[in-house]
Protein backbone atom coordinates (compact mmCIF):
# COMPACT_ATOMS: atom_id res chain seq x y z
CA MET A 1 114.00 93.61 115.43
CA LEU A 2 113.47 96.65 117.71
CA ARG A 3 115.09 94.87 120.67
CA GLN A 4 118.04 93.89 118.55
CA ILE A 5 118.73 97.40 117.43
CA LYS A 6 118.32 98.67 120.99
CA ARG A 7 120.95 96.10 122.15
CA LYS A 8 123.33 97.18 119.46
CA LEU A 9 123.00 100.80 120.22
CA SER A 10 123.63 100.17 123.85
CA ARG A 11 127.06 98.65 123.17
CA PRO A 12 129.96 100.86 124.16
CA GLU A 13 131.38 101.05 120.66
CA ASN A 14 127.99 102.58 119.44
CA GLN A 15 127.51 105.21 122.05
CA ASN A 16 128.42 107.90 119.57
CA ILE A 17 125.60 106.95 117.31
CA VAL A 18 122.90 109.55 118.15
CA ASN A 19 120.85 110.04 114.99
CA ILE A 20 118.72 106.94 115.35
CA LYS A 21 115.25 107.06 116.83
CA ILE A 22 113.43 103.74 117.39
CA ARG A 23 109.72 103.90 116.50
CA GLN A 24 107.10 101.22 116.07
CA ALA A 25 104.19 102.15 113.72
CA SER A 26 101.95 101.02 111.04
CA ALA A 27 103.59 100.87 107.62
CA CYS A 28 100.54 102.83 106.30
CA GLY A 29 100.82 105.64 108.94
CA LEU A 30 104.44 106.47 109.62
CA PRO A 31 104.95 108.96 112.45
CA PHE A 32 107.23 111.33 110.41
CA GLU A 33 106.65 114.60 108.71
CA GLY A 34 106.45 114.60 104.99
CA GLY A 35 109.78 114.94 103.24
CA SER A 36 111.74 114.45 106.39
CA LEU A 37 113.87 111.24 105.80
CA ASP A 38 116.85 110.60 103.65
CA LEU A 39 116.64 106.80 103.66
CA ILE A 40 114.21 104.03 104.43
CA TYR A 41 115.69 100.53 104.54
CA MET A 42 113.37 97.56 104.53
CA VAL A 43 114.85 94.08 105.23
CA THR A 44 112.42 91.18 104.48
CA VAL A 45 109.49 93.59 105.24
CA LEU A 46 107.76 94.52 102.06
CA PRO A 47 106.12 91.07 101.32
CA GLU A 48 104.79 91.05 104.96
CA ILE A 49 102.71 94.27 104.46
CA PRO A 50 99.10 93.49 103.51
CA ASP A 51 98.56 96.81 101.70
CA ARG A 52 101.95 97.30 100.06
CA ASP A 53 100.71 100.01 97.75
CA SER A 54 99.52 102.13 100.67
CA ALA A 55 102.71 101.55 102.57
CA LEU A 56 104.86 102.54 99.55
CA ARG A 57 102.80 105.72 99.17
CA GLU A 58 103.53 106.46 102.85
CA VAL A 59 107.27 105.79 102.34
CA LYS A 60 107.20 108.23 99.45
CA ARG A 61 105.42 110.83 101.54
CA VAL A 62 108.05 110.75 104.30
CA LEU A 63 111.10 110.47 102.08
CA LYS A 64 112.88 113.75 100.91
CA ALA A 65 112.99 114.40 97.20
CA GLY A 66 115.82 112.24 95.95
CA GLY A 67 115.63 110.06 99.14
CA ILE A 68 116.42 106.45 98.92
CA LEU A 69 114.30 103.32 99.58
CA ALA A 70 116.45 100.26 99.82
CA VAL A 71 114.74 96.76 99.96
CA THR A 72 116.57 93.64 100.87
CA GLU A 73 115.24 90.13 100.54
CA PHE A 74 116.57 86.69 101.50
CA GLN A 75 115.36 83.50 99.90
CA LEU A 76 115.21 81.73 103.30
CA ASP A 77 112.18 84.04 104.08
CA PRO A 78 108.93 82.08 103.15
CA ASP A 79 107.52 85.19 101.52
CA TYR A 80 110.57 85.79 99.36
CA PRO A 81 109.71 87.73 96.16
CA LEU A 82 111.78 87.66 93.03
CA ARG A 83 113.92 90.79 92.47
CA SER A 84 111.81 91.52 89.31
CA THR A 85 108.63 91.44 91.61
CA THR A 86 110.11 93.89 94.06
CA ILE A 87 111.29 96.20 91.17
CA ARG A 88 107.83 96.06 89.62
CA ILE A 89 105.95 96.88 92.81
CA CYS A 90 108.21 99.82 93.75
CA ARG A 91 108.24 101.27 90.29
CA SER A 92 104.43 101.12 90.18
CA GLU A 93 104.38 103.52 93.04
CA GLY A 94 106.69 105.91 91.24
CA PHE A 95 110.06 105.04 92.61
CA VAL A 96 112.95 105.10 90.24
CA LEU A 97 115.39 102.13 90.18
CA ASP A 98 118.86 103.36 91.33
CA GLY A 99 120.81 100.10 91.55
CA ASN A 100 120.78 96.58 92.74
CA SER A 101 123.15 93.93 94.03
CA GLY A 102 123.16 90.39 95.23
CA ASN A 103 122.13 87.08 93.62
CA LEU A 104 119.19 84.75 93.57
CA TRP A 105 119.68 83.92 97.31
CA ASP A 106 119.59 87.43 98.61
CA TYR A 107 119.53 90.81 96.94
CA THR A 108 119.10 94.54 97.64
CA VAL A 109 117.41 96.89 95.28
CA ARG A 110 117.79 100.70 95.69
CA PHE A 111 115.22 103.22 94.47
CA LYS A 112 115.01 106.97 94.59
CA LYS A 113 112.08 109.15 95.11
CA PRO A 114 111.89 111.42 92.10
CA LEU A 115 113.07 115.04 92.61
CA VAL A 116 109.71 116.30 91.35
CA ALA A 117 106.33 114.56 91.67
C-alpha cells in the first residue's frame, strides 16, 4: 500500500499534493503527537489488527477533537466484518457514529472523536 501511494504521488498530476507524509508504524504506537490529525482512513485494516481496542485508543489519541475516523471494508476481504460489527467495535472505544454508506458488499462508516473526553 505504501508503494502504491508513493507511485500515485510521483505522478505529474499529483505534484501539487504536499500535505501527505508516508509513515509505517505499529497501529498501537502511531508516530504522531496527540490531537494532531484531522482524519484517519482505514481501508480493510481494522480486522487485521490483533489488538483492535488498543489501536482504536491510539487512533483516538492522535485525532483532534471532532476528528474523523473512516473505516471501509470490502466483502472480498477474507476478514470482512459486518457493518454492525465495525460500528460496535468503534463505539465501544468512544467514537460517535457520524454516517455510513455502501451496501452488503462494501461499506464505509464514519465516526467522530467527541469534542470532549
